């Protein structure tokens, strides 16, 4: 009975220490974070695009958290500065990701600001990145014989455009692109030094 009591006590102490170190202390450190001045809340269209991003499983292959240049080659890959907790003030839930099957998207809005590129890449990734293993998302688009007023058509490279048809982006595709374009964290995270 004495050994079981020691074992249970030891387990409770270990659990308390782990909870304090992994839950309580980080919460205390980040609970009062303010958003950087250049970080804006998502618009309704961007939030809809974020929901499309989640629904289509983009988070399973793309991270949104570049690491420090001393820990990983993320900076040399052109993914930008390391992320800081304040970058995620408006993200509920956070979409940090755990896999890097595809590139990190933390700064995709700065690296690739073109709406046309994003739409074409979503329709057929290999038309833009031949070695890509990303699946195509043609269900986010409609094929029409001719574009109508207000349609956002997708300009594809000749070998990838459907013959005799026009590819038209759905609202979900347009919203997803707006969300991707909003992923631009190139603002400074530290306040500018006072100049005399």
C-alpha atoms as a PDB file:
ATOM      1  CA  UNK A   1       0.000   0.000   0.000  1.00  0.00           C
ATOM      2  CA  UNK A   2       2.871   2.351   0.769  1.00  0.00           C
ATOM      3  CA  UNK A   3       4.398   1.925  -2.745  1.00  0.00           C
ATOM      4  CA  UNK A   4       1.065   2.616  -4.427  1.00  0.00           C
ATOM      5  CA  UNK A   5       0.681   5.829  -2.407  1.00  0.00           C
ATOM      6  CA  UNK A   6       4.183   6.961  -3.424  1.00  0.00           C
ATOM      7  CA  UNK A   7       3.485   6.095  -7.049  1.00  0.00           C
ATOM      8  CA  UNK A   8       0.169   7.991  -7.071  1.00  0.00           C
ATOM      9  CA  UNK A   9       1.738  10.984  -5.319  1.00  0.00           C
ATOM     10  CA  UNK A  10       4.641  11.043  -7.758  1.00  0.00           C
ATOM     11  CA  UNK A  11       2.268  10.845 -10.732  1.00  0.00           C
ATOM     12  CA  UNK A  12       0.173  13.722  -9.381  1.00  0.00           C
ATOM     13  CA  UNK A  13       3.264  15.882  -8.827  1.00  0.00           C
ATOM     14  CA  UNK A  14       4.537  15.105 -12.336  1.00  0.00           C
ATOM     15  CA  UNK A  15       1.123  15.973 -13.812  1.00  0.00           C
ATOM     16  CA  UNK A  16       0.979  19.232 -11.845  1.00  0.00           C
ATOM     17  CA  UNK A  17       4.473  20.260 -12.979  1.00  0.00           C
ATOM     18  CA  UNK A  18       3.698  19.385 -16.611  1.00  0.00           C
ATOM     19  CA  UNK A  19       0.406  21.298 -16.509  1.00  0.00           C
ATOM     20  CA  UNK A  20       2.098  24.333 -15.006  1.00  0.00           C
ATOM     21  CA  UNK A  21       4.942  24.269 -17.538  1.00  0.00           C
ATOM     22  CA  UNK A  22       2.929  23.468 -20.657  1.00  0.00           C
ATOM     23  CA  UNK A  23      -0.419  25.172 -19.995  1.00  0.00           C
ATOM     24  CA  UNK A  24      -0.409  27.719 -17.195  1.00  0.00           C
ATOM     25  CA  UNK A  25       2.909  29.501 -17.834  1.00  0.00           C
ATOM     26  CA  UNK A  26       2.401  29.891 -21.612  1.00  0.00           C
ATOM     27  CA  UNK A  27      -1.111  31.219 -20.993  1.00  0.00           C
ATOM     28  CA  UNK A  28       0.236  33.797 -18.536  1.00  0.00           C
ATOM     29  CA  UNK A  29       2.858  34.861 -21.093  1.00  0.00           C
ATOM     30  CA  UNK A  30       0.467  35.382 -24.005  1.00  0.00           C
ATOM     31  CA  UNK A  31      -2.898  36.264 -22.485  1.00  0.00           C
ATOM     32  CA  UNK A  32      -2.444  40.036 -22.798  1.00  0.00           C
ATOM     33  CA  UNK A  33      -0.806  40.122 -26.228  1.00  0.00           C
ATOM     34  CA  UNK A  34      -1.793  43.001 -28.443  1.00  0.00           C
ATOM     35  CA  UNK A  35      -2.036  42.605 -32.183  1.00  0.00           C
ATOM     36  CA  UNK A  36       0.760  44.306 -34.139  1.00  0.00           C
ATOM     37  CA  UNK A  37      -0.451  47.604 -35.588  1.00  0.00           C
ATOM     38  CA  UNK A  38      -0.241  46.336 -39.181  1.00  0.00           C
ATOM     39  CA  UNK A  39      -2.164  43.112 -38.471  1.00  0.00           C
ATOM     40  CA  UNK A  40      -5.814  43.547 -39.346  1.00  0.00           C
ATOM     41  CA  UNK A  41      -8.767  41.327 -38.413  1.00  0.00           C
ATOM     42  CA  UNK A  42     -10.074  39.069 -41.162  1.00  0.00           C
ATOM     43  CA  UNK A  43     -12.888  40.353 -43.347  1.00  0.00           C
ATOM     44  CA  UNK A  44     -16.036  38.271 -43.774  1.00  0.00           C
ATOM     45  CA  UNK A  45     -14.812  37.077 -47.177  1.00  0.00           C
ATOM     46  CA  UNK A  46     -11.432  36.076 -45.709  1.00  0.00           C
ATOM     47  CA  UNK A  47     -13.153  34.221 -42.862  1.00  0.00           C
ATOM     48  CA  UNK A  48     -15.268  32.343 -45.415  1.00  0.00           C
ATOM     49  CA  UNK A  49     -12.064  31.506 -47.292  1.00  0.00           C
ATOM     50  CA  UNK A  50     -10.479  30.325 -44.061  1.00  0.00           C
ATOM     51  CA  UNK A  51     -13.428  27.956 -43.582  1.00  0.00           C
ATOM     52  CA  UNK A  52     -12.884  26.628 -47.128  1.00  0.00           C
ATOM     53  CA  UNK A  53      -9.169  26.184 -46.283  1.00  0.00           C
ATOM     54  CA  UNK A  54     -10.095  24.083 -43.253  1.00  0.00           C
ATOM     55  CA  UNK A  55     -12.884  22.150 -44.999  1.00  0.00           C
ATOM     56  CA  UNK A  56     -10.571  21.091 -47.827  1.00  0.00           C
ATOM     57  CA  UNK A  57      -7.806  19.927 -45.487  1.00  0.00           C
ATOM     58  CA  UNK A  58      -5.179  22.475 -46.565  1.00  0.00           C
ATOM     59  CA  UNK A  59      -4.032  22.636 -42.931  1.00  0.00           C
ATOM     60  CA  UNK A  60      -2.900  18.999 -43.118  1.00  0.00           C
ATOM     61  CA  UNK A  61      -0.191  19.723 -45.697  1.00  0.00           C
ATOM     62  CA  UNK A  62       0.679  23.384 -45.078  1.00  0.00           C
ATOM     63  CA  UNK A  63       2.014  24.963 -41.912  1.00  0.00           C
ATOM     64  CA  UNK A  64       1.709  28.631 -40.970  1.00  0.00           C
ATOM     65  CA  UNK A  65       4.647  28.981 -38.617  1.00  0.00           C
ATOM     66  CA  UNK A  66       8.112  29.675 -40.051  1.00  0.00           C
ATOM     67  CA  UNK A  67      10.872  28.766 -37.633  1.00  0.00           C
ATOM     68  CA  UNK A  68      13.892  30.754 -36.532  1.00  0.00           C
ATOM     69  CA  UNK A  69      16.769  30.738 -39.022  1.00  0.00           C
ATOM     70  CA  UNK A  70      19.000  29.096 -36.373  1.00  0.00           C
ATOM     71  CA  UNK A  71      16.619  26.139 -36.115  1.00  0.00           C
ATOM     72  CA  UNK A  72      15.555  25.522 -39.706  1.00  0.00           C
ATOM     73  CA  UNK A  73      16.122  26.711 -43.298  1.00  0.00           C
ATOM     74  CA  UNK A  74      12.691  28.381 -43.479  1.00  0.00           C
ATOM     75  CA  UNK A  75      14.129  31.876 -44.025  1.00  0.00           C
ATOM     76  CA  UNK A  76      16.428  30.714 -46.837  1.00  0.00           C
ATOM     77  CA  UNK A  77      13.381  29.103 -48.492  1.00  0.00           C
ATOM     78  CA  UNK A  78      11.824  32.578 -48.677  1.00  0.00           C
ATOM     79  CA  UNK A  79       9.131  31.902 -46.097  1.00  0.00           C
ATOM     80  CA  UNK A  80       9.867  35.076 -44.128  1.00  0.00           C
ATOM     81  CA  UNK A  81      10.665  35.901 -40.546  1.00  0.00           C
ATOM     82  CA  UNK A  82       9.839  33.488 -37.708  1.00  0.00           C
ATOM     83  CA  UNK A  83       6.320  33.764 -36.387  1.00  0.00           C
ATOM     84  CA  UNK A  84       5.570  35.193 -32.947  1.00  0.00           C
ATOM     85  CA  UNK A  85       2.465  34.659 -30.786  1.00  0.00           C
ATOM     86  CA  UNK A  86       1.054  38.119 -31.624  1.00  0.00           C
ATOM     87  CA  UNK A  87       0.784  37.078 -35.293  1.00  0.00           C
ATOM     88  CA  UNK A  88      -2.107  34.784 -34.375  1.00  0.00           C
ATOM     89  CA  UNK A  89      -4.264  37.169 -32.318  1.00  0.00           C
ATOM     90  CA  UNK A  90      -7.159  36.959 -34.798  1.00  0.00           C
ATOM     91  CA  UNK A  91      -6.807  33.241 -35.572  1.00  0.00           C
ATOM     92  CA  UNK A  92      -9.473  31.173 -33.851  1.00  0.00           C
ATOM     93  CA  UNK A  93      -8.672  28.304 -34.002  1.00  0.00           C
ATOM     94  CA  UNK A  94      -4.999  28.571 -34.857  1.00  0.00           C
ATOM     95  CA  UNK A  95      -4.021  26.825 -38.088  1.00  0.00           C
ATOM     96  CA  UNK A  96      -0.337  26.326 -37.348  1.00  0.00           C
ATOM     97  CA  UNK A  97      -0.204  22.903 -39.006  1.00  0.00           C
ATOM     98  CA  UNK A  98       2.172  20.084 -38.209  1.00  0.00           C
ATOM     99  CA  UNK A  99       3.151  18.849 -41.665  1.00  0.00           C
ATOM    100  CA  UNK A 100       5.103  20.454 -44.445  1.00  0.00           C
ATOM    101  CA  UNK A 101       4.101  18.353 -47.382  1.00  0.00           C
ATOM    102  CA  UNK A 102       3.653  21.695 -49.120  1.00  0.00           C
ATOM    103  CA  UNK A 103       5.354  25.030 -48.409  1.00  0.00           C
ATOM    104  CA  UNK A 104       4.609  27.103 -45.335  1.00  0.00           C
ATOM    105  CA  UNK A 105       1.825  29.617 -46.061  1.00  0.00           C
ATOM    106  CA  UNK A 106       2.476  32.136 -43.272  1.00  0.00           C
ATOM    107  CA  UNK A 107       3.532  34.748 -45.863  1.00  0.00           C
ATOM    108  CA  UNK A 108       2.007  33.382 -49.077  1.00  0.00           C
ATOM    109  CA  UNK A 109       0.124  36.667 -49.553  1.00  0.00           C
ATOM    110  CA  UNK A 110       3.464  38.512 -49.760  1.00  0.00           C
ATOM    111  CA  UNK A 111       5.299  35.829 -51.753  1.00  0.00           C
ATOM    112  CA  UNK A 112       2.492  35.325 -54.252  1.00  0.00           C
ATOM    113  CA  UNK A 113       0.006  38.243 -54.248  1.00  0.00           C
ATOM    114  CA  UNK A 114      -1.538  37.425 -57.658  1.00  0.00           C
ATOM    115  CA  UNK A 115      -5.197  36.424 -57.537  1.00  0.00           C
ATOM    116  CA  UNK A 116      -4.911  34.887 -61.018  1.00  0.00           C
ATOM    117  CA  UNK A 117      -1.969  32.716 -59.943  1.00  0.00           C
ATOM    118  CA  UNK A 118      -3.825  31.423 -56.879  1.00  0.00           C
ATOM    119  CA  UNK A 119      -6.983  30.637 -58.852  1.00  0.00           C
ATOM    120  CA  UNK A 120      -5.044  28.786 -61.546  1.00  0.00           C
ATOM    121  CA  UNK A 121      -2.966  26.964 -58.955  1.00  0.00           C
ATOM    122  CA  UNK A 122      -6.081  25.804 -57.120  1.00  0.00           C
ATOM    123  CA  UNK A 123      -7.647  24.586 -60.371  1.00  0.00           C
ATOM    124  CA  UNK A 124      -4.499  22.748 -61.551  1.00  0.00           C
ATOM    125  CA  UNK A 125      -1.355  23.024 -59.375  1.00  0.00           C
ATOM    126  CA  UNK A 126       0.950  21.292 -61.860  1.00  0.00           C
ATOM    127  CA  UNK A 127       0.268  24.012 -64.440  1.00  0.00           C
ATOM    128  CA  UNK A 128       2.250  26.377 -62.184  1.00  0.00           C
ATOM    129  CA  UNK A 129       4.539  24.076 -60.190  1.00  0.00           C
ATOM    130  CA  UNK A 130       5.265  20.963 -62.287  1.00  0.00           C
ATOM    131  CA  UNK A 131       6.648  18.928 -59.363  1.00  0.00           C
ATOM    132  CA  UNK A 132       3.684  19.744 -57.095  1.00  0.00           C
ATOM    133  CA  UNK A 133       1.883  16.877 -55.376  1.00  0.00           C
ATOM    134  CA  UNK A 134      -0.991  19.118 -54.293  1.00  0.00           C
ATOM    135  CA  UNK A 135      -4.374  17.816 -55.422  1.00  0.00           C
ATOM    136  CA  UNK A 136      -6.367  19.891 -57.870  1.00  0.00           C
ATOM    137  CA  UNK A 137      -9.617  21.445 -56.645  1.00  0.00           C
ATOM    138  CA  UNK A 138     -11.744  21.609 -59.827  1.00  0.00           C
ATOM    139  CA  UNK A 139     -14.950  21.388 -57.768  1.00  0.00           C
ATOM    140  CA  UNK A 140     -14.264  24.973 -56.651  1.00  0.00           C
ATOM    141  CA  UNK A 141     -14.773  26.051 -60.276  1.00  0.00           C
ATOM    142  CA  UNK A 142     -17.423  25.747 -62.989  1.00  0.00           C
ATOM    143  CA  UNK A 143     -16.883  25.044 -66.671  1.00  0.00           C
ATOM    144  CA  UNK A 144     -18.996  27.189 -68.964  1.00  0.00           C
ATOM    145  CA  UNK A 145     -19.288  27.652 -72.702  1.00  0.00           C
ATOM    146  CA  UNK A 146     -18.930  31.424 -72.260  1.00  0.00           C
ATOM    147  CA  UNK A 147     -18.352  33.768 -69.347  1.00  0.00           C
ATOM    148  CA  UNK A 148     -21.248  35.843 -68.102  1.00  0.00           C
ATOM    149  CA  UNK A 149     -21.177  39.336 -66.639  1.00  0.00           C
ATOM    150  CA  UNK A 150     -19.640  39.228 -63.170  1.00  0.00           C
ATOM    151  CA  UNK A 151     -17.863  35.865 -63.680  1.00  0.00           C
ATOM    152  CA  UNK A 152     -14.267  35.650 -62.542  1.00  0.00           C
ATOM    153  CA  UNK A 153     -12.597  33.586 -65.257  1.00  0.00           C
ATOM    154  CA  UNK A 154      -9.364  31.706 -64.712  1.00  0.00           C
ATOM    155  CA  UNK A 155      -6.590  32.180 -67.258  1.00  0.00           C
ATOM    156  CA  UNK A 156      -4.754  28.860 -67.531  1.00  0.00           C
ATOM    157  CA  UNK A 157      -1.649  27.920 -69.523  1.00  0.00           C
ATOM    158  CA  UNK A 158      -2.683  26.579 -72.967  1.00  0.00           C
ATOM    159  CA  UNK A 159      -2.010  22.888 -72.234  1.00  0.00           C
ATOM    160  CA  UNK A 160      -4.185  22.988 -69.096  1.00  0.00           C
ATOM    161  CA  UNK A 161      -7.191  24.995 -70.286  1.00  0.00           C
ATOM    162  CA  UNK A 162     -10.224  22.864 -71.173  1.00  0.00           C
ATOM    163  CA  UNK A 163     -10.885  22.990 -74.916  1.00  0.00           C
ATOM    164  CA  UNK A 164     -13.906  25.101 -75.827  1.00  0.00           C
ATOM    165  CA  UNK A 165     -14.760  25.929 -72.213  1.00  0.00           C
ATOM    166  CA  UNK A 166     -14.191  28.792 -69.811  1.00  0.00           C
ATOM    167  CA  UNK A 167     -13.166  28.081 -66.215  1.00  0.00           C
ATOM    168  CA  UNK A 168     -15.129  30.266 -63.783  1.00  0.00           C
ATOM    169  CA  UNK A 169     -14.195  30.563 -60.101  1.00  0.00           C
ATOM    170  CA  UNK A 170     -16.904  29.885 -57.510  1.00  0.00           C
ATOM    171  CA  UNK A 171     -17.404  32.191 -54.551  1.00  0.00           C
ATOM    172  CA  UNK A 172     -15.641  29.594 -52.357  1.00  0.00           C
ATOM    173  CA  UNK A 173     -12.568  29.741 -54.621  1.00  0.00           C
ATOM    174  CA  UNK A 174     -12.567  33.551 -54.561  1.00  0.00           C
ATOM    175  CA  UNK A 175     -12.935  33.590 -50.768  1.00  0.00           C
ATOM    176  CA  UNK A 176     -10.112  31.065 -50.357  1.00  0.00           C
ATOM    177  CA  UNK A 177      -7.847  33.237 -52.498  1.00  0.00           C
ATOM    178  CA  UNK A 178      -8.754  36.309 -50.400  1.00  0.00           C
ATOM    179  CA  UNK A 179      -7.746  34.368 -47.284  1.00  0.00           C
ATOM    180  CA  UNK A 180      -4.449  33.268 -48.837  1.00  0.00           C
ATOM    181  CA  UNK A 181      -3.705  36.833 -49.919  1.00  0.00           C
ATOM    182  CA  UNK A 182      -4.357  37.997 -46.330  1.00  0.00           C
ATOM    183  CA  UNK A 183      -1.527  35.757 -45.102  1.00  0.00           C
ATOM    184  CA  UNK A 184       1.060  38.524 -45.245  1.00  0.00           C
ATOM    185  CA  UNK A 185       3.076  38.904 -42.053  1.00  0.00           C
ATOM    186  CA  UNK A 186       5.861  41.096 -43.392  1.00  0.00           C
ATOM    187  CA  UNK A 187       5.207  43.864 -40.868  1.00  0.00           C
ATOM    188  CA  UNK A 188       7.745  44.461 -38.061  1.00  0.00           C
ATOM    189  CA  UNK A 189       6.977  42.706 -34.791  1.00  0.00           C
ATOM    190  CA  UNK A 190       9.155  44.869 -32.585  1.00  0.00           C
ATOM    191  CA  UNK A 191       8.389  48.572 -32.085  1.00  0.00           C
ATOM    192  CA  UNK A 192      10.664  50.955 -33.979  1.00  0.00           C
ATOM    193  CA  UNK A 193      13.487  52.312 -31.795  1.00  0.00           C
ATOM    194  CA  UNK A 194      13.142  55.890 -30.588  1.00  0.00           C
ATOM    195  CA  UNK A 195      15.218  58.263 -32.681  1.00  0.00           C
ATOM    196  CA  UNK A 196      16.766  61.294 -31.037  1.00  0.00           C
END
